[in-house]
Amino acid sequence: MPFELALPDSWVVDDSARGVGVIVVRDSEPGAEGFHSNVAITAADLGDRDVDVESCLADQRKMEAEFVEQLREYRLLFLGTDAFGLPPVPAVMRVASYVTGEGVAVMMHQYAFRRPGVEHSVTFTFAALDAPVLGPGVWGTAEGAQWRADHS
């Protein structure tokens, strides 16, 4: 990954799917309703799609139908452009809620951004009841992500 996130030391890293571009970092302690907050970080081949944030937003809008179909009680709260990391890189931000298979209402706060040849996403998920405590930390973590020298 071309960036570093400041996450609590107690969180557990699962990089067993790193070969296919997925890393999941999970809180070792359950939060509200027993849900373990987590961050899923993905990297996927961009193919011939454009790198600009407007193209990324258009493609993210197309994904909404899949979220509605795959996630129970999915509700989009915001989908638009923002920034990720330091220095800020244009990104698409999605904020949504849904209900897990265990019946826990969760919040999803996702950033998607493109670099030459690759599309990244960083998705924070936490129990909706934890939103007043964890929400501001999510934004701060995304805003403070540190780009490595090879991020271009």
N, C-alpha and C. Protein backbone atom coordinates (compact mmCIF):
# COMPACT_ATOMS: atom_id res chain seq x y z
N MET A 1 0.84 -1.17 0.00
CA MET A 1 0.00 0.00 0.00
C MET A 1 0.89 1.25 0.00
N PRO A 2 0.48 2.25 -0.74
CA PRO A 2 1.33 3.44 -0.84
C PRO A 2 1.10 4.45 0.30
N PHE A 3 0.40 4.04 1.36
CA PHE A 3 0.11 4.94 2.48
C PHE A 3 0.17 4.15 3.78
N GLU A 4 0.28 4.88 4.87
CA GLU A 4 0.27 4.27 6.19
C GLU A 4 -0.85 4.89 7.00
N LEU A 5 -1.60 4.05 7.72
CA LEU A 5 -2.68 4.50 8.59
C LEU A 5 -2.25 4.34 10.04
N ALA A 6 -2.60 5.31 10.86
CA ALA A 6 -2.34 5.23 12.30
C ALA A 6 -3.54 4.56 12.96
N LEU A 7 -3.39 3.27 13.30
CA LEU A 7 -4.45 2.52 13.95
C LEU A 7 -3.95 2.06 15.32
N PRO A 8 -4.84 1.79 16.25
CA PRO A 8 -4.41 1.35 17.58
C PRO A 8 -3.56 0.08 17.51
N ASP A 9 -2.53 0.01 18.34
CA ASP A 9 -1.64 -1.15 18.38
C ASP A 9 -2.37 -2.44 18.71
N SER A 10 -3.48 -2.33 19.43
CA SER A 10 -4.21 -3.53 19.84
C SER A 10 -5.02 -4.16 18.70
N TRP A 11 -5.15 -3.46 17.57
CA TRP A 11 -5.91 -4.02 16.46
C TRP A 11 -5.11 -5.12 15.79
N VAL A 12 -5.81 -6.12 15.27
CA VAL A 12 -5.20 -7.31 14.69
C VAL A 12 -5.21 -7.20 13.17
N VAL A 13 -4.06 -7.45 12.56
CA VAL A 13 -3.92 -7.37 11.10
C VAL A 13 -4.10 -8.76 10.50
N ASP A 14 -4.98 -8.87 9.51
CA ASP A 14 -5.13 -10.10 8.74
C ASP A 14 -4.74 -9.77 7.31
N ASP A 15 -3.53 -10.17 6.94
CA ASP A 15 -3.08 -9.92 5.58
C ASP A 15 -2.99 -11.21 4.76
N SER A 16 -3.77 -12.21 5.17
CA SER A 16 -3.76 -13.50 4.47
C SER A 16 -4.25 -13.38 3.02
N ALA A 17 -4.99 -12.34 2.69
CA ALA A 17 -5.47 -12.13 1.32
C ALA A 17 -4.70 -11.01 0.62
N ARG A 18 -3.55 -10.66 1.16
CA ARG A 18 -2.75 -9.58 0.58
C ARG A 18 -2.42 -9.86 -0.89
N GLY A 19 -2.23 -11.14 -1.23
CA GLY A 19 -1.91 -11.51 -2.61
C GLY A 19 -2.98 -11.12 -3.61
N VAL A 20 -4.22 -10.98 -3.15
CA VAL A 20 -5.31 -10.55 -4.03
C VAL A 20 -5.72 -9.10 -3.72
N GLY A 21 -4.88 -8.41 -2.95
CA GLY A 21 -5.10 -6.98 -2.72
C GLY A 21 -6.01 -6.61 -1.58
N VAL A 22 -6.11 -7.46 -0.54
CA VAL A 22 -7.00 -7.15 0.58
C VAL A 22 -6.26 -7.33 1.91
N ILE A 23 -6.37 -6.32 2.75
CA ILE A 23 -5.86 -6.38 4.12
C ILE A 23 -7.00 -5.92 5.03
N VAL A 24 -7.23 -6.66 6.11
CA VAL A 24 -8.26 -6.28 7.06
C VAL A 24 -7.61 -6.11 8.43
N VAL A 25 -7.90 -5.00 9.07
CA VAL A 25 -7.39 -4.72 10.41
C VAL A 25 -8.61 -4.61 11.31
N ARG A 26 -8.61 -5.38 12.40
CA ARG A 26 -9.82 -5.52 13.22
C ARG A 26 -9.51 -5.22 14.68
N ASP A 27 -10.42 -4.52 15.31
CA ASP A 27 -10.30 -4.24 16.74
C ASP A 27 -10.35 -5.57 17.50
N SER A 28 -9.41 -5.78 18.40
CA SER A 28 -9.39 -7.02 19.16
C SER A 28 -10.48 -7.06 20.22
N GLU A 29 -11.01 -5.91 20.58
CA GLU A 29 -12.09 -5.81 21.57
C GLU A 29 -13.40 -5.47 20.88
N PRO A 30 -14.48 -6.15 21.23
CA PRO A 30 -15.77 -5.82 20.61
C PRO A 30 -16.28 -4.48 21.10
N GLY A 31 -16.99 -3.79 20.22
CA GLY A 31 -17.63 -2.54 20.58
C GLY A 31 -19.10 -2.78 20.88
N ALA A 32 -19.92 -1.80 20.58
CA ALA A 32 -21.36 -1.91 20.82
C ALA A 32 -21.92 -3.14 20.12
N GLU A 33 -22.83 -3.79 20.79
CA GLU A 33 -23.52 -4.97 20.29
C GLU A 33 -22.56 -6.10 19.90
N GLY A 34 -21.33 -6.07 20.43
CA GLY A 34 -20.37 -7.12 20.17
C GLY A 34 -19.67 -7.04 18.83
N PHE A 35 -19.88 -5.94 18.09
CA PHE A 35 -19.27 -5.80 16.76
C PHE A 35 -17.83 -5.35 16.89
N HIS A 36 -16.94 -5.98 16.13
CA HIS A 36 -15.53 -5.60 16.10
C HIS A 36 -15.33 -4.59 14.97
N SER A 37 -15.04 -3.35 15.32
CA SER A 37 -14.75 -2.34 14.31
C SER A 37 -13.60 -2.83 13.45
N ASN A 38 -13.59 -2.42 12.18
CA ASN A 38 -12.53 -2.89 11.30
C ASN A 38 -12.27 -1.91 10.18
N VAL A 39 -11.13 -2.12 9.54
CA VAL A 39 -10.75 -1.36 8.36
C VAL A 39 -10.36 -2.37 7.29
N ALA A 40 -11.01 -2.31 6.14
CA ALA A 40 -10.66 -3.16 5.01
C ALA A 40 -9.96 -2.28 3.97
N ILE A 41 -8.78 -2.69 3.58
CA ILE A 41 -7.98 -1.93 2.62
C ILE A 41 -7.82 -2.80 1.38
N THR A 42 -8.19 -2.27 0.24
CA THR A 42 -8.10 -3.05 -1.00
C THR A 42 -7.29 -2.31 -2.05
N ALA A 43 -6.73 -3.08 -2.95
CA ALA A 43 -6.04 -2.57 -4.13
C ALA A 43 -6.45 -3.47 -5.29
N ALA A 44 -6.96 -2.87 -6.36
CA ALA A 44 -7.42 -3.64 -7.51
C ALA A 44 -6.85 -3.03 -8.79
N ASP A 45 -6.62 -3.87 -9.75
CA ASP A 45 -6.12 -3.43 -11.04
C ASP A 45 -7.12 -2.44 -11.65
N LEU A 46 -6.65 -1.29 -12.04
CA LEU A 46 -7.51 -0.25 -12.59
C LEU A 46 -7.89 -0.52 -14.04
N GLY A 47 -7.11 -1.32 -14.71
CA GLY A 47 -7.38 -1.58 -16.12
C GLY A 47 -7.23 -0.31 -16.93
N ASP A 48 -8.13 -0.11 -17.87
CA ASP A 48 -8.04 1.07 -18.74
C ASP A 48 -8.91 2.23 -18.26
N ARG A 49 -9.42 2.13 -17.03
CA ARG A 49 -10.26 3.22 -16.51
C ARG A 49 -9.42 4.44 -16.16
N ASP A 50 -10.04 5.62 -16.23
CA ASP A 50 -9.36 6.87 -15.96
C ASP A 50 -9.02 7.01 -14.48
N VAL A 51 -7.96 7.77 -14.19
CA VAL A 51 -7.46 7.97 -12.83
C VAL A 51 -8.18 9.11 -12.12
N ASP A 52 -8.76 10.06 -12.83
CA ASP A 52 -9.32 11.26 -12.21
C ASP A 52 -10.48 10.92 -11.26
N VAL A 53 -10.68 11.78 -10.27
CA VAL A 53 -11.67 11.54 -9.23
C VAL A 53 -13.10 11.53 -9.77
N GLU A 54 -13.38 12.29 -10.83
CA GLU A 54 -14.72 12.29 -11.41
C GLU A 54 -15.06 10.92 -12.01
N SER A 55 -14.10 10.28 -12.66
CA SER A 55 -14.32 8.93 -13.21
C SER A 55 -14.51 7.92 -12.09
N CYS A 56 -13.73 8.10 -11.03
CA CYS A 56 -13.86 7.21 -9.86
C CYS A 56 -15.26 7.36 -9.25
N LEU A 57 -15.73 8.59 -9.13
CA LEU A 57 -17.07 8.83 -8.58
C LEU A 57 -18.14 8.20 -9.46
N ALA A 58 -18.03 8.35 -10.77
CA ALA A 58 -19.01 7.76 -11.69
C ALA A 58 -19.05 6.24 -11.52
N ASP A 59 -17.89 5.61 -11.40
CA ASP A 59 -17.85 4.16 -11.21
C ASP A 59 -18.39 3.76 -9.84
N GLN A 60 -18.12 4.55 -8.81
CA GLN A 60 -18.64 4.25 -7.48
C GLN A 60 -20.17 4.36 -7.46
N ARG A 61 -20.72 5.31 -8.19
CA ARG A 61 -22.18 5.43 -8.27
C ARG A 61 -22.80 4.17 -8.87
N LYS A 62 -22.13 3.57 -9.84
CA LYS A 62 -22.63 2.34 -10.46
C LYS A 62 -22.66 1.19 -9.47
N MET A 63 -21.84 1.23 -8.44
CA MET A 63 -21.77 0.15 -7.45
C MET A 63 -22.93 0.18 -6.46
N GLU A 64 -23.65 1.28 -6.40
CA GLU A 64 -24.74 1.40 -5.42
C GLU A 64 -25.77 0.28 -5.53
N ALA A 65 -26.11 -0.11 -6.73
CA ALA A 65 -27.10 -1.19 -6.91
C ALA A 65 -26.60 -2.49 -6.27
N GLU A 66 -25.29 -2.74 -6.38
CA GLU A 66 -24.73 -3.95 -5.76
C GLU A 66 -24.82 -3.89 -4.24
N PHE A 67 -24.52 -2.73 -3.67
CA PHE A 67 -24.62 -2.59 -2.22
C PHE A 67 -26.06 -2.80 -1.75
N VAL A 68 -27.01 -2.24 -2.46
CA VAL A 68 -28.43 -2.40 -2.10
C VAL A 68 -28.80 -3.88 -2.14
N GLU A 69 -28.30 -4.59 -3.13
CA GLU A 69 -28.62 -6.01 -3.28
C GLU A 69 -27.91 -6.88 -2.24
N GLN A 70 -26.66 -6.54 -1.90
CA GLN A 70 -25.84 -7.42 -1.06
C GLN A 70 -25.91 -7.12 0.43
N LEU A 71 -26.23 -5.89 0.80
CA LEU A 71 -26.20 -5.50 2.21
C LEU A 71 -27.61 -5.22 2.72
N ARG A 72 -27.98 -5.87 3.78
CA ARG A 72 -29.32 -5.75 4.35
C ARG A 72 -29.58 -4.33 4.87
N GLU A 73 -30.69 -3.78 4.50
CA GLU A 73 -31.13 -2.43 4.91
C GLU A 73 -30.07 -1.36 4.60
N TYR A 74 -29.39 -1.52 3.48
CA TYR A 74 -28.36 -0.57 3.06
C TYR A 74 -28.98 0.80 2.81
N ARG A 75 -28.37 1.83 3.37
CA ARG A 75 -28.82 3.21 3.17
C ARG A 75 -27.61 4.09 2.88
N LEU A 76 -27.59 4.71 1.72
CA LEU A 76 -26.52 5.64 1.37
C LEU A 76 -26.80 6.97 2.04
N LEU A 77 -25.83 7.47 2.78
CA LEU A 77 -25.97 8.76 3.45
C LEU A 77 -25.23 9.86 2.71
N PHE A 78 -24.10 9.51 2.08
CA PHE A 78 -23.32 10.49 1.31
C PHE A 78 -22.45 9.76 0.31
N LEU A 79 -22.36 10.31 -0.90
CA LEU A 79 -21.43 9.83 -1.91
C LEU A 79 -20.99 11.04 -2.70
N GLY A 80 -19.72 11.39 -2.57
CA GLY A 80 -19.20 12.57 -3.25
C GLY A 80 -17.69 12.61 -3.17
N THR A 81 -17.11 13.72 -3.58
CA THR A 81 -15.66 13.83 -3.58
C THR A 81 -15.15 14.47 -2.29
N ASP A 82 -13.97 14.06 -1.91
CA ASP A 82 -13.30 14.54 -0.71
C ASP A 82 -11.81 14.36 -0.94
N ALA A 83 -11.05 14.17 0.11
CA ALA A 83 -9.62 13.95 0.00
C ALA A 83 -9.20 12.87 0.98
N PHE A 84 -8.05 12.25 0.71
CA PHE A 84 -7.52 11.20 1.57
C PHE A 84 -6.03 11.46 1.77
N GLY A 85 -5.61 11.44 3.02
CA GLY A 85 -4.19 11.47 3.35
C GLY A 85 -3.52 12.82 3.29
N LEU A 86 -2.21 12.77 3.62
CA LEU A 86 -1.34 13.94 3.59
C LEU A 86 -0.14 13.65 2.71
N PRO A 87 0.12 14.46 1.68
CA PRO A 87 -0.73 15.55 1.23
C PRO A 87 -2.05 15.01 0.69
N PRO A 88 -3.11 15.82 0.75
CA PRO A 88 -4.44 15.35 0.34
C PRO A 88 -4.46 14.90 -1.12
N VAL A 89 -5.05 13.73 -1.35
CA VAL A 89 -5.24 13.19 -2.68
C VAL A 89 -6.75 13.13 -2.93
N PRO A 90 -7.22 13.60 -4.09
CA PRO A 90 -8.65 13.54 -4.38
C PRO A 90 -9.17 12.11 -4.25
N ALA A 91 -10.32 11.97 -3.61
CA ALA A 91 -10.91 10.66 -3.36
C ALA A 91 -12.42 10.76 -3.41
N VAL A 92 -13.05 9.62 -3.54
CA VAL A 92 -14.50 9.51 -3.42
C VAL A 92 -14.79 9.03 -2.01
N MET A 93 -15.72 9.69 -1.34
CA MET A 93 -16.09 9.28 0.01
C MET A 93 -17.53 8.78 -0.01
N ARG A 94 -17.73 7.61 0.61
CA ARG A 94 -19.06 7.03 0.75
C ARG A 94 -19.32 6.85 2.24
N VAL A 95 -20.48 7.29 2.69
CA VAL A 95 -20.93 7.04 4.06
C VAL A 95 -22.28 6.36 3.93
N ALA A 96 -22.40 5.20 4.57
CA ALA A 96 -23.64 4.43 4.46
C ALA A 96 -23.85 3.64 5.73
N SER A 97 -25.04 3.10 5.86
CA SER A 97 -25.35 2.22 6.97
C SER A 97 -25.97 0.95 6.41
N TYR A 98 -25.85 -0.13 7.16
CA TYR A 98 -26.51 -1.38 6.81
C TYR A 98 -26.58 -2.24 8.06
N VAL A 99 -27.22 -3.39 7.95
CA VAL A 99 -27.36 -4.31 9.07
C VAL A 99 -26.61 -5.59 8.74
N THR A 100 -25.75 -6.03 9.65
CA THR A 100 -24.97 -7.25 9.43
C THR A 100 -25.87 -8.48 9.51
N GLY A 101 -25.31 -9.61 9.14
CA GLY A 101 -26.03 -10.88 9.24
C GLY A 101 -26.42 -11.21 10.67
N GLU A 102 -25.69 -10.65 11.63
CA GLU A 102 -25.98 -10.87 13.05
C GLU A 102 -26.99 -9.86 13.58
N GLY A 103 -27.48 -8.97 12.72
CA GLY A 103 -28.49 -8.00 13.13
C GLY A 103 -27.95 -6.73 13.76
N VAL A 104 -26.65 -6.46 13.58
CA VAL A 104 -26.05 -5.26 14.14
C VAL A 104 -26.07 -4.14 13.11
N ALA A 105 -26.63 -2.99 13.47
CA ALA A 105 -26.60 -1.82 12.59
C ALA A 105 -25.19 -1.26 12.60
N VAL A 106 -24.60 -1.09 11.40
CA VAL A 106 -23.24 -0.59 11.30
C VAL A 106 -23.18 0.61 10.37
N MET A 107 -22.11 1.36 10.53
CA MET A 107 -21.80 2.49 9.65
C MET A 107 -20.58 2.10 8.82
N MET A 108 -20.64 2.45 7.55
CA MET A 108 -19.52 2.24 6.64
C MET A 108 -19.05 3.61 6.17
N HIS A 109 -17.77 3.86 6.34
CA HIS A 109 -17.17 5.11 5.89
C HIS A 109 -16.02 4.72 4.97
N GLN A 110 -16.17 4.98 3.68
CA GLN A 110 -15.23 4.47 2.69
C GLN A 110 -14.61 5.59 1.85
N TYR A 111 -13.34 5.41 1.56
CA TYR A 111 -12.62 6.29 0.64
C TYR A 111 -12.15 5.44 -0.52
N ALA A 112 -12.35 5.90 -1.75
CA ALA A 112 -11.85 5.23 -2.95
C ALA A 112 -11.04 6.25 -3.73
N PHE A 113 -9.88 5.84 -4.19
CA PHE A 113 -9.02 6.75 -4.95
C PHE A 113 -8.17 5.93 -5.89
N ARG A 114 -7.71 6.59 -6.92
CA ARG A 114 -6.96 5.92 -7.97
C ARG A 114 -5.56 6.49 -8.11
N ARG A 115 -4.65 5.61 -8.33
CA ARG A 115 -3.27 5.95 -8.66
C ARG A 115 -3.01 5.27 -10.00
N PRO A 116 -1.99 5.62 -10.72
CA PRO A 116 -1.75 4.96 -12.02
C PRO A 116 -1.75 3.43 -11.90
N GLY A 117 -2.68 2.80 -12.62
CA GLY A 117 -2.76 1.35 -12.67
C GLY A 117 -3.50 0.65 -11.55
N VAL A 118 -3.91 1.38 -10.50
CA VAL A 118 -4.54 0.72 -9.36
C VAL A 118 -5.62 1.59 -8.73
N GLU A 119 -6.69 0.94 -8.27
CA GLU A 119 -7.71 1.63 -7.49
C GLU A 119 -7.65 1.09 -6.07
N HIS A 120 -7.60 2.00 -5.12
CA HIS A 120 -7.56 1.64 -3.70
C HIS A 120 -8.88 1.99 -3.05
N SER A 121 -9.23 1.24 -2.02
CA SER A 121 -10.33 1.65 -1.15
C SER A 121 -9.92 1.38 0.29
N VAL A 122 -10.38 2.24 1.15
CA VAL A 122 -10.17 2.10 2.59
C VAL A 122 -11.55 2.23 3.21
N THR A 123 -12.04 1.15 3.82
CA THR A 123 -13.39 1.11 4.34
C THR A 123 -13.38 0.86 5.83
N PHE A 124 -13.84 1.83 6.58
CA PHE A 124 -13.97 1.73 8.04
C PHE A 124 -15.40 1.28 8.33
N THR A 125 -15.56 0.26 9.17
CA THR A 125 -16.89 -0.21 9.54
C THR A 125 -16.96 -0.35 11.05
N PHE A 126 -18.01 0.23 11.65
CA PHE A 126 -18.17 0.17 13.10
C PHE A 126 -19.64 0.17 13.44
N ALA A 127 -19.96 -0.33 14.64
CA ALA A 127 -21.36 -0.37 15.08
C ALA A 127 -21.93 1.04 15.09
N ALA A 128 -23.16 1.18 14.60
CA ALA A 128 -23.80 2.50 14.55
C ALA A 128 -23.85 3.14 15.93
N LEU A 129 -24.03 2.34 16.97
CA LEU A 129 -24.08 2.89 18.33
C LEU A 129 -22.73 3.48 18.76
N ASP A 130 -21.65 3.08 18.10
CA ASP A 130 -20.32 3.62 18.41
C ASP A 130 -19.99 4.87 17.59
N ALA A 131 -20.88 5.28 16.69
CA ALA A 131 -20.60 6.40 15.79
C ALA A 131 -20.20 7.69 16.50
N PRO A 132 -20.86 8.08 17.60
CA PRO A 132 -20.45 9.33 18.26
C PRO A 132 -19.00 9.30 18.75
N VAL A 133 -18.52 8.12 19.11
CA VAL A 133 -17.15 8.00 19.62
C VAL A 133 -16.16 7.74 18.50
N LEU A 134 -16.49 6.85 17.57
CA LEU A 134 -15.54 6.42 16.54
C LEU A 134 -15.57 7.26 15.27
N GLY A 135 -16.69 7.87 14.96
CA GLY A 135 -16.80 8.65 13.73
C GLY A 135 -15.71 9.69 13.56
N PRO A 136 -15.50 10.57 14.54
CA PRO A 136 -14.45 11.57 14.38
C PRO A 136 -13.05 10.96 14.22
N GLY A 137 -12.81 9.82 14.86
CA GLY A 137 -11.52 9.15 14.72
C GLY A 137 -11.30 8.62 13.32
N VAL A 138 -12.37 8.16 12.68
CA VAL A 138 -12.27 7.68 11.30
C VAL A 138 -11.83 8.81 10.39
N TRP A 139 -12.50 9.95 10.50
CA TRP A 139 -12.13 11.08 9.64
C TRP A 139 -10.70 11.52 9.89
N GLY A 140 -10.31 11.57 11.15
CA GLY A 140 -8.94 11.96 11.47
C GLY A 140 -7.92 10.97 10.94
N THR A 141 -8.23 9.69 11.02
CA THR A 141 -7.32 8.66 10.51
C THR A 141 -7.16 8.79 9.01
N ALA A 142 -8.26 8.98 8.29
CA ALA A 142 -8.20 9.12 6.83
C ALA A 142 -7.47 10.40 6.43
N GLU A 143 -7.76 11.49 7.13
CA GLU A 143 -7.10 12.76 6.80
C GLU A 143 -5.61 12.71 7.10
N GLY A 144 -5.22 11.93 8.11
CA GLY A 144 -3.83 11.89 8.53
C GLY A 144 -3.01 10.76 7.94
N ALA A 145 -3.61 9.95 7.05
CA ALA A 145 -2.84 8.87 6.41
C ALA A 145 -1.61 9.47 5.74
N GLN A 146 -0.49 8.83 5.93
CA GLN A 146 0.76 9.34 5.39
C GLN A 146 1.11 8.64 4.10
N TRP A 147 1.22 9.43 3.03
CA TRP A 147 1.64 8.86 1.74
C TRP A 147 3.13 8.56 1.80
N ARG A 148 3.51 7.47 1.22
CA ARG A 148 4.93 7.13 1.08
C ARG A 148 5.45 7.85 -0.14
N ALA A 149 6.75 7.90 -0.28
CA ALA A 149 7.37 8.60 -1.40
C ALA A 149 6.94 8.04 -2.76
N ASP A 150 6.56 6.75 -2.79
CA ASP A 150 6.21 6.12 -4.07
C ASP A 150 4.72 6.14 -4.35
N HIS A 151 3.99 7.12 -3.84
CA HIS A 151 2.53 7.12 -3.98
C HIS A 151 2.01 7.56 -5.33
N SER A 152 2.83 8.08 -6.19
CA SER A 152 2.33 8.61 -7.47
C SER A 152 1.86 7.54 -8.42
